PDB file of N, CA and C in Angstrom:
ATOM      1  N   MET A   1      29.879 -21.369  -2.845  1.00  0.00           N
ATOM      2  CA  MET A   1      29.490 -20.214  -3.020  1.00  0.00           C
ATOM      3  C   MET A   1      29.686 -19.268  -1.888  1.00  0.00           C
ATOM      4  N   SER A   2      30.227 -18.101  -2.069  1.00  0.00           N
ATOM      5  CA  SER A   2      30.563 -17.161  -1.140  1.00  0.00           C
ATOM      6  C   SER A   2      29.043 -16.438  -0.838  1.00  0.00           C
ATOM      7  N   ARG A   3      29.102 -15.749   0.472  1.00  0.00           N
ATOM      8  CA  ARG A   3      27.961 -15.095   0.920  1.00  0.00           C
ATOM      9  C   ARG A   3      28.447 -13.728   1.482  1.00  0.00           C
ATOM     10  N   THR A   4      27.602 -12.806   1.294  1.00  0.00           N
ATOM     11  CA  THR A   4      28.006 -11.481   1.798  1.00  0.00           C
ATOM     12  C   THR A   4      26.913 -10.760   2.470  1.00  0.00           C
ATOM     13  N   SER A   5      26.914  -9.777   3.221  1.00  0.00           N
ATOM     14  CA  SER A   5      25.934  -9.041   3.780  1.00  0.00           C
ATOM     15  C   SER A   5      25.812  -7.685   3.260  1.00  0.00           C
ATOM     16  N   ILE A   6      24.678  -7.197   3.122  1.00  0.00           N
ATOM     17  CA  ILE A   6      24.393  -5.770   2.535  1.00  0.00           C
ATOM     18  C   ILE A   6      23.584  -4.996   3.689  1.00  0.00           C
ATOM     19  N   PRO A   7      24.319  -4.107   4.382  1.00  0.00           N
ATOM     20  CA  PRO A   7      23.769  -3.266   5.371  1.00  0.00           C
ATOM     21  C   PRO A   7      22.479  -2.454   4.811  1.00  0.00           C
ATOM     22  N   VAL A   8      21.299  -2.419   5.209  1.00  0.00           N
ATOM     23  CA  VAL A   8      20.354  -1.355   4.681  1.00  0.00           C
ATOM     24  C   VAL A   8      19.329  -0.829   5.907  1.00  0.00           C
ATOM     25  N   ASP A   9      18.857   0.277   5.725  1.00  0.00           N
ATOM     26  CA  ASP A   9      18.181   0.882   6.864  1.00  0.00           C
ATOM     27  C   ASP A   9      16.926   0.088   7.099  1.00  0.00           C
ATOM     28  N   SER A  10      16.439  -0.013   8.362  1.00  0.00           N
ATOM     29  CA  SER A  10      15.271  -0.747   8.705  1.00  0.00           C
ATOM     30  C   SER A  10      14.010  -0.249   7.926  1.00  0.00           C
ATOM     31  N   SER A  11      13.958   0.813   7.579  1.00  0.00           N
ATOM     32  CA  SER A  11      12.713   1.268   6.642  1.00  0.00           C
ATOM     33  C   SER A  11      12.788   0.509   5.258  1.00  0.00           C
ATOM     34  N   THR A  12      14.234   0.436   4.844  1.00  0.00           N
ATOM     35  CA  THR A  12      14.256  -0.067   3.481  1.00  0.00           C
ATOM     36  C   THR A  12      14.129  -1.718   3.507  1.00  0.00           C
ATOM     37  N   LYS A  13      14.458  -2.222   4.830  1.00  0.00           N
ATOM     38  CA  LYS A  13      14.218  -3.765   4.917  1.00  0.00           C
ATOM     39  C   LYS A  13      12.814  -4.174   5.004  1.00  0.00           C
ATOM     40  N   GLU A  14      11.968  -3.238   5.718  1.00  0.00           N
ATOM     41  CA  GLU A  14      10.438  -3.114   5.793  1.00  0.00           C
ATOM     42  C   GLU A  14       9.976  -3.296   4.523  1.00  0.00           C
ATOM     43  N   ARG A  15      10.297  -2.335   3.662  1.00  0.00           N
ATOM     44  CA  ARG A  15       9.845  -2.370   2.060  1.00  0.00           C
ATOM     45  C   ARG A  15      10.204  -3.583   1.209  1.00  0.00           C
ATOM     46  N   LEU A  16      11.432  -3.877   1.467  1.00  0.00           N
ATOM     47  CA  LEU A  16      11.996  -5.168   0.868  1.00  0.00           C
ATOM     48  C   LEU A  16      10.919  -6.526   1.362  1.00  0.00           C
ATOM     49  N   ASP A  17      10.806  -6.526   2.690  1.00  0.00           N
ATOM     50  CA  ASP A  17       9.996  -7.590   3.196  1.00  0.00           C
ATOM     51  C   ASP A  17       8.764  -7.657   2.453  1.00  0.00           C
ATOM     52  N   ASP A  18       8.064  -6.445   2.348  1.00  0.00           N
ATOM     53  CA  ASP A  18       6.712  -6.352   1.707  1.00  0.00           C
ATOM     54  C   ASP A  18       6.660  -6.838   0.262  1.00  0.00           C
ATOM     55  N   LEU A  19       7.643  -6.869  -0.500  1.00  0.00           N
ATOM     56  CA  LEU A  19       8.002  -7.173  -1.832  1.00  0.00           C
ATOM     57  C   LEU A  19       8.287  -8.553  -2.056  1.00  0.00           C
ATOM     58  N   LYS A  20       9.013  -9.202  -1.015  1.00  0.00           N
ATOM     59  CA  LYS A  20       9.395 -10.742  -1.060  1.00  0.00           C
ATOM     60  C   LYS A  20       8.345 -11.600  -1.033  1.00  0.00           C
ATOM     61  N   ARG A  21       8.426 -12.660  -1.645  1.00  0.00           N
ATOM     62  CA  ARG A  21       7.395 -13.693  -1.516  1.00  0.00           C
ATOM     63  C   ARG A  21       7.865 -14.746  -0.450  1.00  0.00           C
ATOM     64  N   ASP A  22       6.712 -15.224   0.188  1.00  0.00           N
ATOM     65  CA  ASP A  22       7.001 -16.131   1.405  1.00  0.00           C
ATOM     66  C   ASP A  22       7.765 -17.395   0.830  1.00  0.00           C
ATOM     67  N   ASP A  23       7.672 -17.662  -0.386  1.00  0.00           N
ATOM     68  CA  ASP A  23       8.129 -18.956  -0.856  1.00  0.00           C
ATOM     69  C   ASP A  23       9.555 -18.822  -1.437  1.00  0.00           C
ATOM     70  N   GLU A  24      10.345 -17.592  -1.515  1.00  0.00           N
ATOM     71  CA  GLU A  24      11.773 -17.506  -1.988  1.00  0.00           C
ATOM     72  C   GLU A  24      12.503 -16.921  -1.040  1.00  0.00           C
ATOM     73  N   THR A  25      13.811 -17.310  -1.252  1.00  0.00           N
ATOM     74  CA  THR A  25      14.812 -16.855  -0.551  1.00  0.00           C
ATOM     75  C   THR A  25      15.228 -15.609  -1.015  1.00  0.00           C
ATOM     76  N   TRP A  26      16.136 -14.974  -0.130  1.00  0.00           N
ATOM     77  CA  TRP A  26      16.602 -13.458  -0.169  1.00  0.00           C
ATOM     78  C   TRP A  26      17.285 -13.402  -1.715  1.00  0.00           C
ATOM     79  N   ASP A  27      17.916 -14.452  -1.853  1.00  0.00           N
ATOM     80  CA  ASP A  27      18.815 -14.489  -3.265  1.00  0.00           C
ATOM     81  C   ASP A  27      17.774 -14.499  -4.561  1.00  0.00           C
ATOM     82  N   GLU A  28      16.833 -15.409  -4.368  1.00  0.00           N
ATOM     83  CA  GLU A  28      15.863 -15.628  -5.384  1.00  0.00           C
ATOM     84  C   GLU A  28      15.073 -14.010  -5.663  1.00  0.00           C
ATOM     85  N   PHE A  29      14.820 -13.663  -4.516  1.00  0.00           N
ATOM     86  CA  PHE A  29      13.998 -12.231  -4.410  1.00  0.00           C
ATOM     87  C   PHE A  29      14.878 -11.255  -5.241  1.00  0.00           C
ATOM     88  N   LEU A  30      16.159 -11.054  -4.834  1.00  0.00           N
ATOM     89  CA  LEU A  30      16.788 -10.166  -5.372  1.00  0.00           C
ATOM     90  C   LEU A  30      17.275 -10.252  -6.800  1.00  0.00           C
ATOM     91  N   THR A  31      17.491 -11.511  -7.028  1.00  0.00           N
ATOM     92  CA  THR A  31      17.490 -11.916  -8.623  1.00  0.00           C
ATOM     93  C   THR A  31      16.204 -11.596  -9.355  1.00  0.00           C
ATOM     94  N   ARG A  32      14.874 -11.882  -8.705  1.00  0.00           N
ATOM     95  CA  ARG A  32      13.815 -11.613  -9.498  1.00  0.00           C
ATOM     96  C   ARG A  32      13.579 -10.132  -9.623  1.00  0.00           C
ATOM     97  N   ILE A  33      13.970  -9.146  -8.689  1.00  0.00           N
ATOM     98  CA  ILE A  33      13.570  -7.882  -8.809  1.00  0.00           C
ATOM     99  C   ILE A  33      14.790  -7.100  -9.760  1.00  0.00           C
ATOM    100  N   THR A  34      15.994  -7.745 -10.006  1.00  0.00           N
ATOM    101  CA  THR A  34      16.891  -7.148 -10.732  1.00  0.00           C
ATOM    102  C   THR A  34      16.951  -7.706 -12.082  1.00  0.00           C
ATOM    103  N   THR A  35      16.190  -8.607 -12.492  1.00  0.00           N
ATOM    104  CA  THR A  35      16.045  -9.020 -13.828  1.00  0.00           C
ATOM    105  C   THR A  35      15.543  -8.038 -14.815  1.00  0.00           C
ATOM    106  N   ASP A  36      16.022  -8.160 -15.929  1.00  0.00           N
ATOM    107  CA  ASP A  36      15.519  -7.180 -17.145  1.00  0.00           C
ATOM    108  C   ASP A  36      14.183  -7.423 -17.708  1.00  0.00           C
ATOM    109  N   GLU A  37      13.851  -8.811 -17.533  1.00  0.00           N
ATOM    110  CA  GLU A  37      12.587  -9.068 -17.929  1.00  0.00           C
ATOM    111  C   GLU A  37      11.282  -8.444 -17.200  1.00  0.00           C
ATOM    112  N   THR A  38      10.311  -8.136 -17.840  1.00  0.00           N
ATOM    113  CA  THR A  38       9.084  -7.471 -17.425  1.00  0.00           C
ATOM    114  C   THR A  38       8.033  -8.577 -17.035  1.00  0.00           C
ATOM    115  N   PRO A  39       7.797  -8.756 -15.837  1.00  0.00           N
ATOM    116  CA  PRO A  39       6.783  -9.806 -15.444  1.00  0.00           C
ATOM    117  C   PRO A  39       5.311  -9.500 -15.731  1.00  0.00           C
ATOM    118  N   ILE A  40       4.372 -10.578 -15.859  1.00  0.00           N
ATOM    119  CA  ILE A  40       3.125 -10.106 -16.079  1.00  0.00           C
ATOM    120  C   ILE A  40       2.530  -9.773 -14.792  1.00  0.00           C
ATOM    121  N   LYS A  41       2.051  -8.524 -14.646  1.00  0.00           N
ATOM    122  CA  LYS A  41       1.403  -8.040 -13.408  1.00  0.00           C
ATOM    123  C   LYS A  41      -0.149  -8.403 -13.128  1.00  0.00           C
ATOM    124  N   LYS A  42      -0.467  -8.990 -11.917  1.00  0.00           N
ATOM    125  CA  LYS A  42      -1.736  -9.130 -11.640  1.00  0.00           C
ATOM    126  C   LYS A  42      -2.521  -7.689 -11.531  1.00  0.00           C
ATOM    127  N   GLY A  43      -3.643  -7.619 -12.065  1.00  0.00           N
ATOM    128  CA  GLY A  43      -4.437  -6.435 -12.006  1.00  0.00           C
ATOM    129  C   GLY A  43      -4.000  -5.416 -13.021  1.00  0.00           C
ATOM    130  N   ILE A  44      -3.354  -5.717 -14.004  1.00  0.00           N
ATOM    131  CA  ILE A  44      -2.983  -4.578 -15.164  1.00  0.00           C
ATOM    132  C   ILE A  44      -4.238  -4.252 -15.884  1.00  0.00           C
ATOM    133  N   LEU A  45      -5.166  -5.112 -16.009  1.00  0.00           N
ATOM    134  CA  LEU A  45      -6.332  -4.872 -16.774  1.00  0.00           C
ATOM    135  C   LEU A  45      -7.496  -4.512 -15.859  1.00  0.00           C
ATOM    136  N   SER A  46      -8.341  -3.613 -16.269  1.00  0.00           N
ATOM    137  CA  SER A  46      -9.676  -3.255 -15.515  1.00  0.00           C
ATOM    138  C   SER A  46     -10.616  -4.447 -15.501  1.00  0.00           C
ATOM    139  N   SER A  47     -11.531  -4.332 -14.827  1.00  0.00           N
ATOM    140  CA  SER A  47     -12.517  -5.441 -14.771  1.00  0.00           C
ATOM    141  C   SER A  47     -13.197  -5.548 -16.196  1.00  0.00           C
ATOM    142  N   GLU A  48     -13.535  -4.422 -16.615  1.00  0.00           N
ATOM    143  CA  GLU A  48     -14.107  -4.530 -18.180  1.00  0.00           C
ATOM    144  C   GLU A  48     -13.204  -4.938 -19.237  1.00  0.00           C
ATOM    145  N   GLU A  49     -11.994  -4.609 -19.120  1.00  0.00           N
ATOM    146  CA  GLU A  49     -10.835  -5.357 -20.178  1.00  0.00           C
ATOM    147  C   GLU A  49     -10.602  -6.605 -19.927  1.00  0.00           C
ATOM    148  N   ALA A  50     -10.616  -6.968 -18.647  1.00  0.00           N
ATOM    149  CA  ALA A  50     -10.380  -8.691 -18.407  1.00  0.00           C
ATOM    150  C   ALA A  50     -11.657  -9.185 -19.011  1.00  0.00           C
ATOM    151  N   ALA A  51     -12.835  -8.839 -18.731  1.00  0.00           N
ATOM    152  CA  ALA A  51     -14.104  -9.532 -19.305  1.00  0.00           C
ATOM    153  C   ALA A  51     -13.996  -9.489 -20.786  1.00  0.00           C
ATOM    154  N   GLN A  52     -13.586  -8.585 -21.507  1.00  0.00           N
ATOM    155  CA  GLN A  52     -13.320  -8.478 -22.793  1.00  0.00           C
ATOM    156  C   GLN A  52     -12.291  -9.365 -23.437  1.00  0.00           C
ATOM    157  N   ALA A  53     -11.325  -9.810 -22.771  1.00  0.00           N
ATOM    158  CA  ALA A  53     -10.212 -10.628 -22.946  1.00  0.00           C
ATOM    159  C   ALA A  53     -10.661 -12.017 -22.821  1.00  0.00           C
ATOM    160  N   LYS A  54     -11.465 -12.299 -21.708  1.00  0.00           N
ATOM    161  CA  LYS A  54     -12.069 -13.632 -21.479  1.00  0.00           C
ATOM    162  C   LYS A  54     -13.047 -13.858 -22.623  1.00  0.00           C
ATOM    163  N   ASP A  55     -13.794 -12.892 -22.951  1.00  0.00           N
ATOM    164  CA  ASP A  55     -14.876 -13.288 -24.200  1.00  0.00           C
ATOM    165  C   ASP A  55     -14.229 -13.542 -25.531  1.00  0.00           C
ATOM    166  N   ARG A  56     -12.921 -12.943 -25.801  1.00  0.00           N
ATOM    167  CA  ARG A  56     -12.271 -13.044 -26.947  1.00  0.00           C
ATOM    168  C   ARG A  56     -11.479 -14.490 -26.870  1.00  0.00           C
ATOM    169  N   ILE A  57     -10.961 -14.971 -25.604  1.00  0.00           N
ATOM    170  CA  ILE A  57     -10.430 -16.226 -25.749  1.00  0.00           C
ATOM    171  C   ILE A  57     -11.377 -17.388 -25.853  1.00  0.00           C
ATOM    172  N   ARG A  58     -12.627 -17.133 -25.215  1.00  0.00           N
ATOM    173  CA  ARG A  58     -13.840 -17.917 -25.310  1.00  0.00           C
ATOM    174  C   ARG A  58     -14.207 -18.185 -26.741  1.00  0.00           C
ATOM    175  N   SER A  59     -14.323 -17.065 -27.446  1.00  0.00           N
ATOM    176  CA  SER A  59     -14.793 -17.098 -28.708  1.00  0.00           C
ATOM    177  C   SER A  59     -13.677 -17.637 -29.687  1.00  0.00           C
ATOM    178  N   ALA A  60     -12.553 -17.513 -29.402  1.00  0.00           N
ATOM    179  CA  ALA A  60     -11.338 -18.019 -30.248  1.00  0.00           C
ATOM    180  C   ALA A  60     -11.209 -19.636 -30.074  1.00  0.00           C
ATOM    181  N   ARG A  61     -11.673 -20.153 -28.799  1.00  0.00           N
ATOM    182  CA  ARG A  61     -11.561 -21.621 -28.607  1.00  0.00           C
ATOM    183  C   ARG A  61     -12.715 -22.227 -29.252  1.00  0.00           C
ATOM    184  N   GLU A  62     -13.937 -21.405 -29.161  1.00  0.00           N
ATOM    185  CA  GLU A  62     -15.038 -22.088 -29.761  1.00  0.00           C
ATOM    186  C   GLU A  62     -15.030 -22.277 -31.269  1.00  0.00           C
ATOM    187  N   ASN A  63     -14.269 -21.199 -32.067  1.00  0.00           N
ATOM    188  CA  ASN A  63     -13.881 -21.106 -33.491  1.00  0.00           C
ATOM    189  C   ASN A  63     -12.802 -22.003 -33.980  1.00  0.00           C
ATOM    190  N   TRP A  64     -12.078 -22.563 -32.901  1.00  0.00           N
ATOM    191  CA  TRP A  64     -10.752 -23.133 -33.337  1.00  0.00           C
ATOM    192  C   TRP A  64     -11.206 -24.526 -34.108  1.00  0.00           C
ATOM    193  N   GLU A  65     -10.585 -24.829 -35.162  1.00  0.00           N
ATOM    194  CA  GLU A  65     -10.706 -25.958 -35.974  1.00  0.00           C
ATOM    195  C   GLU A  65      -9.779 -27.039 -35.660  1.00  0.00           C
TER     196      GLU A  65
END
């Protein structure tokens, strides 16, 4: 596999460092952020919406035959 370097400003590198997960390589990170799939985002629901969703899931599980 060939390797390459991509020069970026230090401010850009800092922003990328903030987005990169500790357990992923730079290649994995760049692949993740350039994919077309939309990931599930933590905190997308308000606390009230999350509580309602939990209640619906609990109710559905209780009524499952």
